[in-house]
C-alpha atoms as a PDB file:
ATOM      1  CA  UNK A   1      -8.959   0.254 -18.518  1.00  0.00           C
ATOM      2  CA  UNK A   2     -11.757   0.751 -15.986  1.00  0.00           C
ATOM      3  CA  UNK A   3     -14.111   1.368 -18.934  1.00  0.00           C
ATOM      4  CA  UNK A   4     -12.966  -1.940 -20.480  1.00  0.00           C
ATOM      5  CA  UNK A   5     -13.556  -3.780 -17.206  1.00  0.00           C
ATOM      6  CA  UNK A   6     -17.022  -2.248 -17.015  1.00  0.00           C
ATOM      7  CA  UNK A   7     -17.863  -3.448 -20.529  1.00  0.00           C
ATOM      8  CA  UNK A   8     -16.653  -6.950 -19.748  1.00  0.00           C
ATOM      9  CA  UNK A   9     -18.658  -7.106 -16.542  1.00  0.00           C
ATOM     10  CA  UNK A  10     -21.755  -5.776 -18.317  1.00  0.00           C
ATOM     11  CA  UNK A  11     -21.396  -8.473 -20.986  1.00  0.00           C
ATOM     12  CA  UNK A  12     -21.704 -11.298 -18.476  1.00  0.00           C
ATOM     13  CA  UNK A  13     -24.317 -12.210 -15.898  1.00  0.00           C
ATOM     14  CA  UNK A  14     -23.077 -11.316 -12.446  1.00  0.00           C
ATOM     15  CA  UNK A  15     -25.101 -12.075  -9.377  1.00  0.00           C
ATOM     16  CA  UNK A  16     -23.681 -10.379  -6.309  1.00  0.00           C
ATOM     17  CA  UNK A  17     -25.453 -11.130  -3.065  1.00  0.00           C
ATOM     18  CA  UNK A  18     -25.523  -8.584  -0.286  1.00  0.00           C
ATOM     19  CA  UNK A  19     -24.010 -10.970   2.212  1.00  0.00           C
ATOM     20  CA  UNK A  20     -24.691 -10.031   5.824  1.00  0.00           C
ATOM     21  CA  UNK A  21     -21.756 -11.093   7.959  1.00  0.00           C
ATOM     22  CA  UNK A  22     -22.622 -12.280  11.442  1.00  0.00           C
ATOM     23  CA  UNK A  23     -20.790 -10.509  14.244  1.00  0.00           C
ATOM     24  CA  UNK A  24     -17.331 -12.040  14.349  1.00  0.00           C
ATOM     25  CA  UNK A  25     -14.592 -11.496  16.931  1.00  0.00           C
ATOM     26  CA  UNK A  26     -12.135 -10.342  14.243  1.00  0.00           C
ATOM     27  CA  UNK A  27     -13.781  -9.674  10.850  1.00  0.00           C
ATOM     28  CA  UNK A  28     -16.295  -6.884  11.454  1.00  0.00           C
ATOM     29  CA  UNK A  29     -17.503  -6.128   7.932  1.00  0.00           C
ATOM     30  CA  UNK A  30     -16.825  -6.721   4.255  1.00  0.00           C
ATOM     31  CA  UNK A  31     -18.151  -4.285   1.681  1.00  0.00           C
ATOM     32  CA  UNK A  32     -17.989  -4.254  -2.102  1.00  0.00           C
ATOM     33  CA  UNK A  33     -17.437  -0.614  -3.060  1.00  0.00           C
ATOM     34  CA  UNK A  34     -17.542  -0.813  -6.883  1.00  0.00           C
ATOM     35  CA  UNK A  35     -18.326  -3.096  -9.799  1.00  0.00           C
ATOM     36  CA  UNK A  36     -14.624  -2.998 -10.745  1.00  0.00           C
ATOM     37  CA  UNK A  37     -13.726  -5.439  -7.971  1.00  0.00           C
ATOM     38  CA  UNK A  38     -13.023  -2.974  -5.160  1.00  0.00           C
ATOM     39  CA  UNK A  39     -13.536  -4.266  -1.607  1.00  0.00           C
ATOM     40  CA  UNK A  40     -13.145  -2.945   1.916  1.00  0.00           C
ATOM     41  CA  UNK A  41     -12.485  -5.186   4.933  1.00  0.00           C
ATOM     42  CA  UNK A  42     -12.911  -3.879   8.473  1.00  0.00           C
ATOM     43  CA  UNK A  43     -11.117  -5.807  11.235  1.00  0.00           C
ATOM     44  CA  UNK A  44     -11.176  -5.621  15.022  1.00  0.00           C
ATOM     45  CA  UNK A  45      -7.997  -4.537  16.792  1.00  0.00           C
ATOM     46  CA  UNK A  46      -9.321  -5.642  20.174  1.00  0.00           C
ATOM     47  CA  UNK A  47      -6.680  -7.262  22.420  1.00  0.00           C
ATOM     48  CA  UNK A  48      -3.862  -5.671  20.367  1.00  0.00           C
ATOM     49  CA  UNK A  49      -1.614  -2.874  21.694  1.00  0.00           C
ATOM     50  CA  UNK A  50      -3.007   0.651  21.278  1.00  0.00           C
ATOM     51  CA  UNK A  51      -1.150   3.654  19.850  1.00  0.00           C
ATOM     52  CA  UNK A  52       0.273   1.368  17.187  1.00  0.00           C
ATOM     53  CA  UNK A  53       0.262   1.055  13.385  1.00  0.00           C
ATOM     54  CA  UNK A  54      -2.181  -1.407  11.799  1.00  0.00           C
ATOM     55  CA  UNK A  55      -0.876  -3.677   9.022  1.00  0.00           C
ATOM     56  CA  UNK A  56      -2.508  -6.229   6.724  1.00  0.00           C
ATOM     57  CA  UNK A  57      -0.654  -8.991   4.857  1.00  0.00           C
ATOM     58  CA  UNK A  58      -2.437 -11.269   2.407  1.00  0.00           C
ATOM     59  CA  UNK A  59      -2.478 -12.857  -1.017  1.00  0.00           C
ATOM     60  CA  UNK A  60      -1.791 -10.532  -3.940  1.00  0.00           C
ATOM     61  CA  UNK A  61      -4.321 -12.441  -6.084  1.00  0.00           C
ATOM     62  CA  UNK A  62      -6.188 -15.768  -5.685  1.00  0.00           C
ATOM     63  CA  UNK A  63      -3.692 -18.495  -4.690  1.00  0.00           C
ATOM     64  CA  UNK A  64      -0.889 -15.981  -5.160  1.00  0.00           C
ATOM     65  CA  UNK A  65       2.037 -14.817  -2.988  1.00  0.00           C
ATOM     66  CA  UNK A  66       1.484 -12.715   0.118  1.00  0.00           C
ATOM     67  CA  UNK A  67       2.183  -8.974   0.236  1.00  0.00           C
ATOM     68  CA  UNK A  68       1.644  -6.073   2.630  1.00  0.00           C
ATOM     69  CA  UNK A  69      -1.331  -3.867   1.668  1.00  0.00           C
ATOM     70  CA  UNK A  70      -1.673  -0.140   2.207  1.00  0.00           C
ATOM     71  CA  UNK A  71      -4.080   0.114   5.166  1.00  0.00           C
ATOM     72  CA  UNK A  72      -5.653   2.628   7.536  1.00  0.00           C
ATOM     73  CA  UNK A  73      -7.113   2.706  11.038  1.00  0.00           C
ATOM     74  CA  UNK A  74     -10.370   3.969  12.527  1.00  0.00           C
ATOM     75  CA  UNK A  75      -9.066   4.951  15.957  1.00  0.00           C
ATOM     76  CA  UNK A  76      -7.447   2.212  18.036  1.00  0.00           C
ATOM     77  CA  UNK A  77     -10.290  -0.260  17.528  1.00  0.00           C
ATOM     78  CA  UNK A  78     -10.672  -0.924  13.791  1.00  0.00           C
ATOM     79  CA  UNK A  79      -8.240  -1.627  10.958  1.00  0.00           C
ATOM     80  CA  UNK A  80      -9.338  -1.008   7.359  1.00  0.00           C
ATOM     81  CA  UNK A  81      -7.893  -2.482   4.161  1.00  0.00           C
ATOM     82  CA  UNK A  82      -9.044  -1.708   0.613  1.00  0.00           C
ATOM     83  CA  UNK A  83      -8.149  -4.045  -2.230  1.00  0.00           C
ATOM     84  CA  UNK A  84      -9.135  -5.297  -5.664  1.00  0.00           C
ATOM     85  CA  UNK A  85     -10.399  -8.877  -5.804  1.00  0.00           C
ATOM     86  CA  UNK A  86     -12.525 -10.996  -8.177  1.00  0.00           C
ATOM     87  CA  UNK A  87     -15.984 -11.724  -6.746  1.00  0.00           C
ATOM     88  CA  UNK A  88     -16.470 -15.163  -5.251  1.00  0.00           C
ATOM     89  CA  UNK A  89     -12.770 -15.900  -4.837  1.00  0.00           C
ATOM     90  CA  UNK A  90     -11.150 -16.602  -1.470  1.00  0.00           C
ATOM     91  CA  UNK A  91      -8.422 -14.431   0.010  1.00  0.00           C
ATOM     92  CA  UNK A  92      -6.081 -15.642   2.752  1.00  0.00           C
ATOM     93  CA  UNK A  93      -4.542 -13.075   5.049  1.00  0.00           C
ATOM     94  CA  UNK A  94      -3.443 -12.082   8.517  1.00  0.00           C
ATOM     95  CA  UNK A  95      -3.137  -8.755  10.266  1.00  0.00           C
ATOM     96  CA  UNK A  96      -1.812  -7.039  13.353  1.00  0.00           C
ATOM     97  CA  UNK A  97      -0.184  -3.871  14.615  1.00  0.00           C
ATOM     98  CA  UNK A  98       3.357  -2.581  14.704  1.00  0.00           C
ATOM     99  CA  UNK A  99       5.155  -0.570  17.369  1.00  0.00           C
ATOM    100  CA  UNK A 100       8.525   0.522  16.067  1.00  0.00           C
ATOM    101  CA  UNK A 101      10.027  -2.528  14.369  1.00  0.00           C
ATOM    102  CA  UNK A 102       8.063  -5.083  16.441  1.00  0.00           C
ATOM    103  CA  UNK A 103       4.962  -6.707  14.966  1.00  0.00           C
ATOM    104  CA  UNK A 104       2.051  -8.033  17.025  1.00  0.00           C
ATOM    105  CA  UNK A 105      -0.133 -10.463  15.039  1.00  0.00           C
ATOM    106  CA  UNK A 106      -3.788 -10.975  15.890  1.00  0.00           C
ATOM    107  CA  UNK A 107      -4.992 -14.359  17.199  1.00  0.00           C
ATOM    108  CA  UNK A 108      -7.532 -15.770  14.677  1.00  0.00           C
ATOM    109  CA  UNK A 109      -8.655 -18.786  16.723  1.00  0.00           C
ATOM    110  CA  UNK A 110     -11.892 -17.145  17.943  1.00  0.00           C
ATOM    111  CA  UNK A 111     -12.963 -16.208  14.413  1.00  0.00           C
ATOM    112  CA  UNK A 112     -15.314 -18.121  12.161  1.00  0.00           C
ATOM    113  CA  UNK A 113     -12.946 -17.297   9.317  1.00  0.00           C
ATOM    114  CA  UNK A 114      -9.862 -18.884  10.931  1.00  0.00           C
ATOM    115  CA  UNK A 115      -7.929 -21.120   8.541  1.00  0.00           C
ATOM    116  CA  UNK A 116      -4.626 -22.828   9.281  1.00  0.00           C
ATOM    117  CA  UNK A 117      -3.478 -20.138  11.711  1.00  0.00           C
ATOM    118  CA  UNK A 118      -4.665 -17.135   9.682  1.00  0.00           C
ATOM    119  CA  UNK A 119      -7.877 -15.991   7.946  1.00  0.00           C
ATOM    120  CA  UNK A 120      -9.610 -17.215   4.796  1.00  0.00           C
ATOM    121  CA  UNK A 121     -12.516 -15.166   3.484  1.00  0.00           C
ATOM    122  CA  UNK A 122     -14.687 -15.361   0.374  1.00  0.00           C
ATOM    123  CA  UNK A 123     -15.360 -11.922  -1.088  1.00  0.00           C
ATOM    124  CA  UNK A 124     -18.875 -11.989  -2.532  1.00  0.00           C
ATOM    125  CA  UNK A 125     -20.420 -14.717  -4.644  1.00  0.00           C
ATOM    126  CA  UNK A 126     -19.134 -16.544  -7.684  1.00  0.00           C
ATOM    127  CA  UNK A 127     -19.413 -14.793 -11.035  1.00  0.00           C
ATOM    128  CA  UNK A 128     -21.972 -16.600 -13.223  1.00  0.00           C
ATOM    129  CA  UNK A 129     -20.350 -16.301 -16.633  1.00  0.00           C
ATOM    130  CA  UNK A 130     -18.863 -18.193 -19.519  1.00  0.00           C
ATOM    131  CA  UNK A 131     -15.823 -15.937 -19.368  1.00  0.00           C
ATOM    132  CA  UNK A 132     -13.072 -17.696 -17.345  1.00  0.00           C
ATOM    133  CA  UNK A 133     -12.508 -16.123 -13.949  1.00  0.00           C
ATOM    134  CA  UNK A 134      -8.797 -15.928 -14.814  1.00  0.00           C
ATOM    135  CA  UNK A 135      -9.599 -13.443 -17.569  1.00  0.00           C
ATOM    136  CA  UNK A 136     -11.447 -11.124 -15.199  1.00  0.00           C
ATOM    137  CA  UNK A 137      -8.668 -11.509 -12.633  1.00  0.00           C
ATOM    138  CA  UNK A 138      -6.118 -10.382 -15.247  1.00  0.00           C
ATOM    139  CA  UNK A 139      -8.286  -7.374 -16.081  1.00  0.00           C
ATOM    140  CA  UNK A 140      -8.553  -6.403 -12.427  1.00  0.00           C
ATOM    141  CA  UNK A 141      -4.780  -6.720 -12.037  1.00  0.00           C
ATOM    142  CA  UNK A 142      -3.924  -4.981 -15.316  1.00  0.00           C
ATOM    143  CA  UNK A 143      -0.782  -2.815 -15.538  1.00  0.00           C
ATOM    144  CA  UNK A 144      -2.663   0.501 -15.479  1.00  0.00           C
ATOM    145  CA  UNK A 145      -4.060  -0.294 -12.029  1.00  0.00           C
ATOM    146  CA  UNK A 146      -1.998   0.414  -8.872  1.00  0.00           C
ATOM    147  CA  UNK A 147       0.987  -1.923  -8.559  1.00  0.00           C
ATOM    148  CA  UNK A 148       3.058  -3.035  -5.602  1.00  0.00           C
ATOM    149  CA  UNK A 149       6.310  -1.085  -5.463  1.00  0.00           C
ATOM    150  CA  UNK A 150       9.471  -3.162  -5.350  1.00  0.00           C
ATOM    151  CA  UNK A 151      11.700  -0.344  -4.059  1.00  0.00           C
ATOM    152  CA  UNK A 152      11.156   2.897  -2.106  1.00  0.00           C
ATOM    153  CA  UNK A 153      12.354   5.096  -4.985  1.00  0.00           C
ATOM    154  CA  UNK A 154       9.755   4.424  -7.658  1.00  0.00           C
ATOM    155  CA  UNK A 155      11.333   6.665 -10.279  1.00  0.00           C
ATOM    156  CA  UNK A 156      13.815   9.472 -11.021  1.00  0.00           C
ATOM    157  CA  UNK A 157      13.368  11.710 -14.067  1.00  0.00           C
ATOM    158  CA  UNK A 158      15.438  14.659 -15.247  1.00  0.00           C
ATOM    159  CA  UNK A 159      12.955  17.345 -16.291  1.00  0.00           C
ATOM    160  CA  UNK A 160      15.346  20.185 -17.166  1.00  0.00           C
ATOM    161  CA  UNK A 161      19.011  20.507 -18.150  1.00  0.00           C
ATOM    162  CA  UNK A 162      21.086  23.687 -17.781  1.00  0.00           C
ATOM    163  CA  UNK A 163      24.718  22.968 -18.580  1.00  0.00           C
ATOM    164  CA  UNK A 164      26.105  20.659 -15.881  1.00  0.00           C
ATOM    165  CA  UNK A 165      23.027  21.076 -13.706  1.00  0.00           C
ATOM    166  CA  UNK A 166      19.640  19.402 -13.881  1.00  0.00           C
ATOM    167  CA  UNK A 167      16.178  19.580 -12.338  1.00  0.00           C
ATOM    168  CA  UNK A 168      14.893  16.189 -11.216  1.00  0.00           C
ATOM    169  CA  UNK A 169      11.523  14.722 -10.252  1.00  0.00           C
ATOM    170  CA  UNK A 170      11.848  11.938  -7.663  1.00  0.00           C
ATOM    171  CA  UNK A 171       8.860   9.654  -7.010  1.00  0.00           C
ATOM    172  CA  UNK A 172       8.831   7.896  -3.622  1.00  0.00           C
ATOM    173  CA  UNK A 173       6.706   4.976  -2.474  1.00  0.00           C
ATOM    174  CA  UNK A 174       4.291   5.404   0.454  1.00  0.00           C
ATOM    175  CA  UNK A 175       3.165   1.772   0.504  1.00  0.00           C
ATOM    176  CA  UNK A 176       5.281   0.702   3.492  1.00  0.00           C
ATOM    177  CA  UNK A 177       3.898   3.270   5.939  1.00  0.00           C
ATOM    178  CA  UNK A 178       1.672   0.829   7.777  1.00  0.00           C
ATOM    179  CA  UNK A 179      -1.192   2.398   9.697  1.00  0.00           C
ATOM    180  CA  UNK A 180      -0.773   5.890   8.240  1.00  0.00           C
ATOM    181  CA  UNK A 181      -4.101   7.492   7.194  1.00  0.00           C
ATOM    182  CA  UNK A 182      -4.570   8.338   3.526  1.00  0.00           C
ATOM    183  CA  UNK A 183      -4.607  12.067   4.326  1.00  0.00           C
ATOM    184  CA  UNK A 184      -1.137  11.944   5.924  1.00  0.00           C
ATOM    185  CA  UNK A 185       1.342  14.413   4.363  1.00  0.00           C
ATOM    186  CA  UNK A 186       4.822  13.345   3.164  1.00  0.00           C
ATOM    187  CA  UNK A 187       7.843  15.263   4.492  1.00  0.00           C
ATOM    188  CA  UNK A 188      11.411  15.047   3.202  1.00  0.00           C
ATOM    189  CA  UNK A 189      14.807  15.920   4.745  1.00  0.00           C
ATOM    190  CA  UNK A 190      17.642  16.049   2.198  1.00  0.00           C
ATOM    191  CA  UNK A 191      21.068  17.392   1.407  1.00  0.00           C
ATOM    192  CA  UNK A 192      21.072  21.012   0.224  1.00  0.00           C
ATOM    193  CA  UNK A 193      23.908  20.187  -2.204  1.00  0.00           C
ATOM    194  CA  UNK A 194      26.226  17.189  -2.767  1.00  0.00           C
ATOM    195  CA  UNK A 195      28.130  16.303   0.438  1.00  0.00           C
ATOM    196  CA  UNK A 196      26.557  19.231   2.290  1.00  0.00           C
ATOM    197  CA  UNK A 197      24.264  19.892   5.276  1.00  0.00           C
ATOM    198  CA  UNK A 198      20.660  18.718   5.260  1.00  0.00           C
ATOM    199  CA  UNK A 199      17.626  20.974   4.853  1.00  0.00           C
ATOM    200  CA  UNK A 200      15.467  19.685   7.705  1.00  0.00           C
ATOM    201  CA  UNK A 201      12.029  18.182   7.075  1.00  0.00           C
ATOM    202  CA  UNK A 202       9.548  20.056   4.879  1.00  0.00           C
ATOM    203  CA  UNK A 203       6.278  18.935   3.185  1.00  0.00           C
ATOM    204  CA  UNK A 204       6.169  17.696  -0.405  1.00  0.00           C
ATOM    205  CA  UNK A 205       3.340  16.739  -2.751  1.00  0.00           C
ATOM    206  CA  UNK A 206       1.425  13.458  -2.602  1.00  0.00           C
ATOM    207  CA  UNK A 207      -0.483  11.546  -5.291  1.00  0.00           C
ATOM    208  CA  UNK A 208      -2.293   8.507  -3.856  1.00  0.00           C
ATOM    209  CA  UNK A 209       0.442   6.059  -2.761  1.00  0.00           C
ATOM    210  CA  UNK A 210       3.484   8.051  -3.922  1.00  0.00           C
ATOM    211  CA  UNK A 211       5.203  11.281  -2.872  1.00  0.00           C
ATOM    212  CA  UNK A 212       6.823  13.578  -5.437  1.00  0.00           C
ATOM    213  CA  UNK A 213       9.787  15.899  -4.841  1.00  0.00           C
ATOM    214  CA  UNK A 214      11.440  18.195  -7.397  1.00  0.00           C
ATOM    215  CA  UNK A 215      15.171  18.827  -6.915  1.00  0.00           C
ATOM    216  CA  UNK A 216      16.437  21.890  -8.784  1.00  0.00           C
ATOM    217  CA  UNK A 217      19.917  22.731 -10.099  1.00  0.00           C
ATOM    218  CA  UNK A 218      21.646  19.541  -8.965  1.00  0.00           C
ATOM    219  CA  UNK A 219      25.003  18.551 -10.534  1.00  0.00           C
ATOM    220  CA  UNK A 220      24.299  15.855 -13.110  1.00  0.00           C
ATOM    221  CA  UNK A 221      25.720  12.485 -12.029  1.00  0.00           C
ATOM    222  CA  UNK A 222      26.015  13.430  -8.345  1.00  0.00           C
ATOM    223  CA  UNK A 223      24.305  11.484  -5.543  1.00  0.00           C
ATOM    224  CA  UNK A 224      21.727  12.958  -3.182  1.00  0.00           C
ATOM    225  CA  UNK A 225      20.996  11.593   0.294  1.00  0.00           C
ATOM    226  CA  UNK A 226      17.625  12.033   1.976  1.00  0.00           C
ATOM    227  CA  UNK A 227      15.012  10.651   4.342  1.00  0.00           C
ATOM    228  CA  UNK A 228      11.208  10.938   4.269  1.00  0.00           C
ATOM    229  CA  UNK A 229       8.223  10.260   6.496  1.00  0.00           C
ATOM    230  CA  UNK A 230       4.452  10.750   6.715  1.00  0.00           C
ATOM    231  CA  UNK A 231       2.871  13.215   9.140  1.00  0.00           C
ATOM    232  CA  UNK A 232      -0.736  13.346  10.328  1.00  0.00           C
ATOM    233  CA  UNK A 233      -1.430  15.953  12.957  1.00  0.00           C
ATOM    234  CA  UNK A 234       1.298  15.558  15.548  1.00  0.00           C
ATOM    235  CA  UNK A 235       1.994  11.923  14.679  1.00  0.00           C
ATOM    236  CA  UNK A 236       4.956  10.795  12.555  1.00  0.00           C
ATOM    237  CA  UNK A 237       4.881   7.568  10.537  1.00  0.00           C
ATOM    238  CA  UNK A 238       8.044   5.772   9.420  1.00  0.00           C
ATOM    239  CA  UNK A 239       8.551   2.802   7.139  1.00  0.00           C
ATOM    240  CA  UNK A 240      10.557  -0.305   7.979  1.00  0.00           C
ATOM    241  CA  UNK A 241      13.549  -0.037   5.631  1.00  0.00           C
ATOM    242  CA  UNK A 242      14.416  -3.697   6.227  1.00  0.00           C
ATOM    243  CA  UNK A 243      11.105  -4.717   4.637  1.00  0.00           C
ATOM    244  CA  UNK A 244      12.256  -3.566   1.192  1.00  0.00           C
ATOM    245  CA  UNK A 245      13.825  -5.975  -1.276  1.00  0.00           C
ATOM    246  CA  UNK A 246      17.563  -6.416  -0.663  1.00  0.00           C
ATOM    247  CA  UNK A 247      18.121  -5.408  -4.298  1.00  0.00           C
ATOM    248  CA  UNK A 248      16.895  -1.881  -3.512  1.00  0.00           C
ATOM    249  CA  UNK A 249      20.288  -0.183  -3.504  1.00  0.00           C
ATOM    250  CA  UNK A 250      18.728   3.210  -2.657  1.00  0.00           C
ATOM    251  CA  UNK A 251      18.584   2.207   1.036  1.00  0.00           C
ATOM    252  CA  UNK A 252      21.794   3.582   2.534  1.00  0.00           C
ATOM    253  CA  UNK A 253      22.749   3.757   6.245  1.00  0.00           C
ATOM    254  CA  UNK A 254      19.146   4.043   7.527  1.00  0.00           C
ATOM    255  CA  UNK A 255      18.167   6.600   4.880  1.00  0.00           C
ATOM    256  CA  UNK A 256      18.321   6.829   1.074  1.00  0.00           C
ATOM    257  CA  UNK A 257      20.957   7.656  -1.537  1.00  0.00           C
ATOM    258  CA  UNK A 258      20.232   8.104  -5.243  1.00  0.00           C
ATOM    259  CA  UNK A 259      22.513   9.211  -8.092  1.00  0.00           C
ATOM    260  CA  UNK A 260      20.797  11.865 -10.216  1.00  0.00           C
ATOM    261  CA  UNK A 261      21.855  11.073 -13.768  1.00  0.00           C
END
C-alpha cells in the first residue's frame, strides 16, 4: 500500500513548504517525516505536573471524530505525537498529562494556534493536484495502515490443537498506555491454569502497538484471566480500563477475562 501511495503522490504535483514555526508557548515544532503523510508534533509540557504520562487527543482524520493517539515524552518538558495526515489539512486537538486516573489538560490561550478552547494546526501546505484530497486521505487511512483498536484484546487465535487442549496466540493492544515510550516492554500476569493461581508478571513480545502472548496447553473453551502493563526501566505504565468501549467484554473486575475457544 505504501508503494501505491508513493505512485499516487509521484503522479501529482505536490509543493511542500518547509514551514518555520515561530516559537510558540505550546506548539514547539511540526515536522513532516515522510512523503506518505507522516508527521511529528512536539508540544511543551511547561506548567503541567511532572512525573506524569503525556496524552494527545485529536481528530482521527480531517473534520472527523476525536481519538487518543499513541504518544511519547522527551523528559518532563516535551510531549511527542506521530500521526498520518494529508498535507495542507487542519487538525484540531488538545493534550495534557495524566497522573493515575486524573487528567490535566494544557491551557491553549497563550498559543497562536488556540481555537475554541483547544488547538487547530495546519500540517504543511495544500496539495496542488487534480486528484481530490479525499482520495489521498482514503489512501493514507487505508486498512493496511495502523488502525485504532476498539478493545484491549485485539485477537485470539488457536495455533495448535492436541485433543482437548490448545495453544493460543493472544494479541493485546498497547494504544491506551499514554506517555509510555515506544521501547517500553510489555509484561503479563495470568492464571497458570483455569481457576488457579497467577504466574506473576513476566515479559512478553511486542510488535509496534501490540503485545503478543502464546498460551500453551489450555483446555479448549475455558476462560483465562490476566493483567498486563508496560515497563521502561523502573517505571510501570498502566492503561485506563474505563477508557475502552463499554462493549469490550474482556474487561473483567479491573483485569481481563477471555474464553479460549
